Amino acid sequence: MDDLPALPDHEALDCRLPERQTVPVVVASPHSGSFYPPEFLDQAAVPLAALRRAEDAFVDDLFSAAPALGMPFLAARFPRSYVDANREPYELDPGMFEGPLPRPLNHRTTRVAAGLGMIPRVAASGEAIYRGRVPSETIERRLETCWRPYHTALSLLVERTYSTFGGALLVDAHSMPSSASNLGGRDRDGRVDIVLGDNHGESCAPELVTCAEAWLRARGLRVHRNQPYAGGFTTQCYGRPSLARHALQIEINRALYMDETRHERLPTIGVFTKLITGFLEEIGSQAASLLLPQQLAAE
C-alpha cells in the first residue's frame, strides 16, 4: 500500500477520507458536481436551470456519512453537462467539434447517439447545449482538468482498498429523474425507488447485490436491477469480481428527497440520508464478510 502514489489534491474533486478505513468499500459520486465554469456558461445555448437537470443533485449529501463509517468518499465538483466522468475518455460525437480531433473517437455507442458522451451534446431536456461547434482542443483540456483527475483518484482509492483488505467494493452513487423511474410492471403505481446496476451480473458478486436489494426492499423501497440503468463506464471499468474488485451502481429516485422543479431539498432528505447511512453500514458489513475469506485464502 505504501508503494501507491499519494491521492491528488485537485480543485475538481471533493475527496473525503476516513480517519482510518475500516471496511473494503469506496463510495463515489461522479454526477453531483455543481460548479459551472463561466466560460462554459458563455458557450451554452440553454439556461443554467436546463443544465442543472442533468445533475445528480444532493447525492453527495445523501452519502456524506461514508467517511464516518470508515469508507473513502469521492465526488466530482464539475457538473455532468460539462464533463461526464461515467463515460470513456474519448466517447464523443465528432460532429460537435471544430478542428483536428486528437485521436479516433469512440463515437458508435448508444450514449453518443443520444448526445450523452464524455462531453455531452444535449441537456437533459434534449436541447443542444452549445450554440455552435466546440473547439477540438476542448477535449484534452477537459480530460486533463476533470476526467483524468477524477479517475486517477478513484483508481487509487480502489487499489488502496484492495491492498488493505484483499478486495474492494465501489459503490457508484447516482440519482434518476422521477420520470425515468415510472417503469410500469409489478411495482405499485409502476414507480421504482431504487435501481441497482451490476452490468447485468458482470461487475459485482451476486451475493452483494442480493444483500443490497433485500435490505432496501425490507425498508419498503421498490427496487429493480439493471432496468433502466445497468451501469456505465465506472461499473464496466472497475468491476472485476474474478479479481475481488466489485462495482455496484445505485440510482435513487429524486422525488424521494428533492423538488425536481425547484432544484431544492425536500424535508424528507434528512430521513432518507439516515436510510442511506444504514444502507452503507449494511453493505460495508457484507463486503467485509465476503472479501475477508478471499484474503485469508490468498495468505
Protein backbone atom coordinates (compact mmCIF):
# COMPACT_ATOMS: atom_id res chain seq x y z
CA MET A 1 0.00 0.00 0.00
CA ASP A 2 2.90 2.36 0.79
CA ASP A 3 4.09 1.95 -2.80
CA LEU A 4 0.96 3.61 -4.16
CA PRO A 5 1.24 7.33 -5.01
CA ALA A 6 -0.46 9.94 -2.88
CA LEU A 7 -4.01 10.95 -3.69
CA PRO A 8 -4.16 14.09 -5.82
CA ASP A 9 -5.39 17.28 -4.17
CA HIS A 10 -7.31 18.76 -7.08
CA GLU A 11 -9.81 21.59 -7.32
CA ALA A 12 -12.10 19.45 -9.49
CA LEU A 13 -12.52 16.86 -6.74
CA ASP A 14 -14.12 16.54 -3.33
CA CYS A 15 -12.24 13.68 -1.69
CA ARG A 16 -13.11 12.89 1.92
CA LEU A 17 -11.06 10.22 3.66
CA PRO A 18 -11.90 8.45 6.92
CA GLU A 19 -9.50 8.71 9.84
CA ARG A 20 -8.98 5.00 9.27
CA GLN A 21 -10.55 2.88 6.58
CA THR A 22 -12.29 0.01 8.36
CA VAL A 23 -14.29 -1.65 5.57
CA PRO A 24 -13.40 -2.54 1.95
CA VAL A 25 -15.82 -0.02 0.42
CA VAL A 26 -15.25 3.12 -1.65
CA VAL A 27 -18.17 5.48 -2.40
CA ALA A 28 -18.12 7.74 -5.45
CA SER A 29 -20.47 10.33 -6.94
CA PRO A 30 -19.46 11.36 -10.46
CA HIS A 31 -22.54 13.48 -11.27
CA SER A 32 -23.32 15.60 -8.19
CA GLY A 33 -20.95 18.45 -9.10
CA SER A 34 -22.44 21.92 -9.42
CA PHE A 35 -19.56 24.28 -10.20
CA TYR A 36 -20.17 25.67 -13.70
CA PRO A 37 -17.14 27.43 -15.24
CA PRO A 38 -18.11 30.89 -16.53
CA GLU A 39 -16.64 30.19 -19.97
CA PHE A 40 -18.86 27.12 -20.24
CA LEU A 41 -21.97 29.13 -19.40
CA ASP A 42 -20.92 31.70 -22.01
CA GLN A 43 -20.91 28.94 -24.64
CA ALA A 44 -24.24 27.46 -23.59
CA ALA A 45 -27.37 27.88 -25.67
CA VAL A 46 -29.61 26.82 -22.77
CA PRO A 47 -30.10 28.42 -19.34
CA LEU A 48 -28.35 27.17 -16.23
CA ALA A 49 -31.60 25.62 -14.98
CA ALA A 50 -31.65 23.32 -18.03
CA LEU A 51 -28.05 22.27 -17.44
CA ARG A 52 -28.71 21.56 -13.77
CA ARG A 53 -31.40 19.00 -14.60
CA ALA A 54 -28.58 16.62 -15.54
CA GLU A 55 -27.07 16.81 -12.05
CA ASP A 56 -27.40 14.03 -9.51
CA ALA A 57 -28.27 16.82 -7.12
CA PHE A 58 -27.58 16.29 -3.40
CA VAL A 59 -26.32 12.72 -3.88
CA ASP A 60 -23.09 13.81 -2.20
CA ASP A 61 -25.23 14.84 0.80
CA LEU A 62 -27.08 11.53 0.88
CA PHE A 63 -23.82 9.55 1.06
CA SER A 64 -21.93 12.03 3.23
CA ALA A 65 -21.69 9.62 6.19
CA ALA A 66 -19.29 7.35 4.29
CA PRO A 67 -16.05 8.68 5.88
CA ALA A 68 -17.51 8.39 9.40
CA LEU A 69 -18.29 4.75 8.56
CA GLY A 70 -14.68 4.09 7.56
CA MET A 71 -15.18 4.48 3.79
CA PRO A 72 -13.40 6.89 1.43
CA PHE A 73 -15.75 9.18 -0.47
CA LEU A 74 -15.04 10.86 -3.81
CA ALA A 75 -17.27 13.34 -5.65
CA ALA A 76 -16.75 15.38 -8.79
CA ARG A 77 -17.13 19.13 -8.32
CA PHE A 78 -17.56 19.67 -12.07
CA PRO A 79 -21.09 19.16 -13.47
CA ARG A 80 -22.12 16.30 -15.67
CA SER A 81 -23.14 18.60 -18.52
CA TYR A 82 -19.53 19.88 -18.63
CA VAL A 83 -17.72 16.53 -18.33
CA ASP A 84 -19.33 13.15 -17.72
CA ALA A 85 -16.90 11.07 -15.66
CA ASN A 86 -19.09 7.98 -16.19
CA ARG A 87 -18.08 7.77 -19.86
CA GLU A 88 -14.99 6.55 -21.65
CA PRO A 89 -12.46 9.36 -22.14
CA TYR A 90 -12.95 9.57 -25.91
CA GLU A 91 -16.60 8.55 -26.08
CA LEU A 92 -17.59 11.62 -28.09
CA ASP A 93 -19.58 12.87 -31.05
CA PRO A 94 -17.03 14.13 -33.63
CA GLY A 95 -19.71 16.32 -35.21
CA MET A 96 -19.65 18.52 -32.10
CA PHE A 97 -16.14 19.77 -32.68
CA GLU A 98 -14.31 22.21 -34.90
CA GLY A 99 -10.68 21.46 -35.75
CA PRO A 100 -8.44 18.38 -35.79
CA LEU A 101 -9.53 15.65 -33.41
CA PRO A 102 -6.89 14.24 -31.05
CA ARG A 103 -7.39 10.55 -31.88
CA PRO A 104 -10.01 8.20 -33.28
CA LEU A 105 -13.06 8.68 -31.11
CA ASN A 106 -15.42 6.01 -29.84
CA HIS A 107 -18.49 7.52 -31.43
CA ARG A 108 -20.50 4.39 -32.23
CA THR A 109 -22.24 3.99 -28.88
CA THR A 110 -25.88 4.43 -27.96
CA ARG A 111 -24.87 7.09 -25.44
CA VAL A 112 -23.10 9.18 -28.07
CA ALA A 113 -26.06 8.73 -30.41
CA ALA A 114 -28.27 10.15 -27.65
CA GLY A 115 -25.94 13.15 -27.28
CA LEU A 116 -24.56 11.95 -23.94
CA GLY A 117 -20.86 11.42 -24.50
CA MET A 118 -17.97 12.38 -22.24
CA ILE A 119 -18.65 15.97 -23.31
CA PRO A 120 -22.44 15.93 -23.64
CA ARG A 121 -24.04 17.45 -26.73
CA VAL A 122 -27.54 17.83 -25.29
CA ALA A 123 -29.08 18.85 -21.99
CA ALA A 124 -31.50 16.66 -20.04
CA SER A 125 -34.35 18.28 -21.98
CA GLY A 126 -32.83 17.14 -25.27
CA GLU A 127 -31.88 20.68 -26.34
CA ALA A 128 -28.42 21.34 -27.77
CA ILE A 129 -26.08 22.65 -25.08
CA TYR A 130 -23.80 24.65 -27.38
CA ARG A 131 -24.56 27.50 -29.77
CA GLY A 132 -22.11 26.18 -32.33
CA ARG A 133 -19.25 23.74 -32.73
CA VAL A 134 -16.81 23.36 -29.86
CA PRO A 135 -13.05 23.88 -30.48
CA SER A 136 -11.42 20.45 -30.60
CA GLU A 137 -8.73 21.41 -28.09
CA THR A 138 -11.53 21.47 -25.52
CA ILE A 139 -11.42 17.67 -25.44
CA GLU A 140 -7.91 17.37 -24.00
CA ARG A 141 -8.36 20.38 -21.75
CA ARG A 142 -11.42 18.90 -20.06
CA LEU A 143 -9.82 15.47 -19.85
CA GLU A 144 -6.79 16.97 -18.09
CA THR A 145 -8.72 19.23 -15.71
CA CYS A 146 -11.68 16.97 -14.84
CA TRP A 147 -11.90 13.43 -16.18
CA ARG A 148 -8.35 12.24 -15.54
CA PRO A 149 -8.03 13.70 -12.01
CA TYR A 150 -11.31 12.03 -11.06
CA HIS A 151 -10.33 8.59 -12.33
CA THR A 152 -6.76 8.87 -11.04
CA ALA A 153 -8.16 9.46 -7.56
CA LEU A 154 -10.83 6.77 -7.88
CA SER A 155 -8.33 4.18 -9.12
CA LEU A 156 -6.01 4.95 -6.22
CA LEU A 157 -8.83 4.65 -3.67
CA VAL A 158 -9.88 1.29 -5.10
CA GLU A 159 -6.30 -0.01 -5.23
CA ARG A 160 -5.53 1.16 -1.69
CA THR A 161 -8.68 -0.61 -0.51
CA TYR A 162 -7.70 -3.78 -2.33
CA SER A 163 -4.17 -3.64 -0.87
CA THR A 164 -5.54 -3.30 2.65
CA PHE A 165 -8.41 -5.79 2.58
CA GLY A 166 -7.67 -8.17 -0.29
CA GLY A 167 -10.73 -6.92 -2.15
CA ALA A 168 -12.76 -3.80 -2.81
CA LEU A 169 -16.35 -2.76 -3.45
CA LEU A 170 -17.01 0.50 -5.27
CA VAL A 171 -20.49 1.95 -4.66
CA ASP A 172 -21.16 4.27 -7.61
CA ALA A 173 -23.87 6.65 -6.41
CA HIS A 174 -26.39 8.30 -8.76
CA SER A 175 -29.91 9.66 -8.89
CA MET A 176 -32.59 9.37 -11.55
CA PRO A 177 -35.42 11.70 -12.53
CA SER A 178 -38.79 10.52 -11.31
CA SER A 179 -40.00 10.43 -14.92
CA ALA A 180 -37.40 7.77 -15.70
CA SER A 181 -38.41 5.69 -12.70
CA ASN A 182 -42.01 5.15 -13.81
CA LEU A 183 -41.36 1.75 -15.34
CA GLY A 184 -44.69 0.01 -15.00
CA GLY A 185 -44.81 -3.68 -14.24
CA ARG A 186 -45.04 -5.35 -10.87
CA ASP A 187 -44.40 -2.37 -8.57
CA ARG A 188 -47.17 -0.26 -7.06
CA ASP A 189 -48.14 2.58 -9.38
CA GLY A 190 -45.32 1.48 -11.68
CA ARG A 191 -42.84 3.66 -9.76
CA VAL A 192 -39.38 2.44 -8.81
CA ASP A 193 -37.42 3.96 -5.95
CA ILE A 194 -34.01 2.37 -6.48
CA VAL A 195 -32.26 0.76 -9.44
CA LEU A 196 -29.21 -1.39 -8.70
CA GLY A 197 -26.84 -1.83 -11.64
CA ASP A 198 -24.23 -4.56 -11.80
CA ASN A 199 -23.68 -4.54 -15.57
CA HIS A 200 -26.08 -7.48 -15.88
CA GLY A 201 -24.15 -9.59 -13.40
CA GLU A 202 -20.68 -8.73 -14.71
CA SER A 203 -19.41 -6.12 -12.23
CA CYS A 204 -20.34 -7.31 -8.73
CA ALA A 205 -20.68 -10.51 -6.74
CA PRO A 206 -24.33 -11.61 -6.80
CA GLU A 207 -24.28 -12.05 -3.01
CA LEU A 208 -23.60 -8.33 -2.56
CA VAL A 209 -26.31 -7.28 -4.99
CA THR A 210 -28.84 -9.62 -3.39
CA CYS A 211 -27.95 -8.27 0.05
CA ALA A 212 -28.35 -4.67 -1.12
CA GLU A 213 -31.70 -5.40 -2.77
CA ALA A 214 -33.07 -7.30 0.21
CA TRP A 215 -32.04 -4.59 2.69
CA LEU A 216 -33.64 -1.83 0.62
CA ARG A 217 -36.83 -3.80 -0.01
CA ALA A 218 -37.13 -4.53 3.72
CA ARG A 219 -37.33 -0.75 4.24
CA GLY A 220 -40.31 -0.51 1.90
CA LEU A 221 -38.42 0.68 -1.18
CA ARG A 222 -39.26 -0.56 -4.65
CA VAL A 223 -36.10 -1.91 -6.25
CA HIS A 224 -35.21 -3.01 -9.78
CA ARG A 225 -31.99 -4.46 -11.12
CA ASN A 226 -30.37 -3.13 -14.29
CA GLN A 227 -33.55 -1.56 -15.67
CA PRO A 228 -33.30 1.06 -16.97
CA TYR A 229 -29.73 1.58 -15.66
CA ALA A 230 -27.24 -1.28 -15.67
CA GLY A 231 -24.19 0.91 -15.10
CA GLY A 232 -21.85 2.96 -17.25
CA PHE A 233 -18.11 3.25 -17.72
CA THR A 234 -17.42 3.06 -13.98
CA THR A 235 -19.01 -0.33 -13.34
CA GLN A 236 -17.57 -1.69 -16.59
CA CYS A 237 -14.06 -0.44 -15.79
CA TYR A 238 -13.79 -1.06 -12.05
CA GLY A 239 -15.99 -4.12 -11.62
CA ARG A 240 -13.82 -7.26 -11.88
CA PRO A 241 -15.35 -9.78 -9.46
CA SER A 242 -12.90 -12.52 -10.51
CA LEU A 243 -10.13 -10.20 -9.23
CA ALA A 244 -12.02 -9.33 -6.00
CA ARG A 245 -12.86 -5.88 -7.32
CA HIS A 246 -16.58 -5.22 -7.31
CA ALA A 247 -18.62 -2.25 -8.53
CA LEU A 248 -22.30 -1.63 -7.83
CA GLN A 249 -24.23 1.33 -9.21
CA ILE A 250 -27.18 2.67 -7.24
CA GLU A 251 -29.75 5.03 -8.78
CA ILE A 252 -32.13 6.82 -6.41
CA ASN A 253 -35.45 8.32 -7.47
CA ARG A 254 -35.05 12.08 -6.94
CA ALA A 255 -38.68 12.51 -5.92
CA LEU A 256 -37.82 10.77 -2.64
CA TYR A 257 -35.70 13.65 -1.39
CA MET A 258 -35.87 16.73 -3.66
CA ASP A 259 -38.18 19.05 -5.53
CA GLU A 260 -37.08 18.43 -9.11
CA THR A 261 -38.68 21.60 -10.49
CA ARG A 262 -37.22 23.99 -7.94
CA HIS A 263 -33.98 22.04 -7.52
CA GLU A 264 -34.36 22.12 -3.75
CA ARG A 265 -34.10 19.61 -0.93
CA LEU A 266 -37.37 18.29 0.48
CA PRO A 267 -37.89 17.97 4.25
CA THR A 268 -37.64 14.19 3.71
CA ILE A 269 -33.94 14.42 2.79
CA GLY A 270 -32.88 14.03 6.43
CA VAL A 271 -34.80 10.79 6.87
CA PHE A 272 -33.60 9.46 3.55
CA THR A 273 -29.98 10.37 4.33
CA LYS A 274 -30.26 8.27 7.51
CA LEU A 275 -31.61 5.40 5.41
CA ILE A 276 -28.65 5.64 3.02
CA THR A 277 -26.30 5.70 6.01
CA GLY A 278 -27.88 2.46 7.19
CA PHE A 279 -27.50 1.02 3.70
CA LEU A 280 -23.79 1.86 3.69
CA GLU A 281 -23.35 0.22 7.10
CA GLU A 282 -25.05 -2.94 5.82
CA ILE A 283 -23.17 -3.13 2.53
CA GLY A 284 -19.90 -2.44 4.35
CA SER A 285 -20.51 -5.31 6.75
CA GLN A 286 -21.48 -7.65 3.93
CA ALA A 287 -18.49 -6.67 1.80
CA ALA A 288 -16.14 -7.31 4.71
CA SER A 289 -17.58 -10.76 5.37
CA LEU A 290 -17.42 -11.64 1.67
CA LEU A 291 -13.90 -10.37 1.00
CA LEU A 292 -12.15 -11.42 4.20
CA PRO A 293 -12.32 -15.16 3.37
CA GLN A 294 -10.79 -14.37 -0.03
CA GLN A 295 -7.94 -12.53 1.69
CA LEU A 296 -7.31 -15.36 4.15
CA ALA A 297 -7.34 -17.93 1.36
CA ALA A 298 -4.67 -15.99 -0.52
CA GLU A 299 -2.32 -15.78 2.50
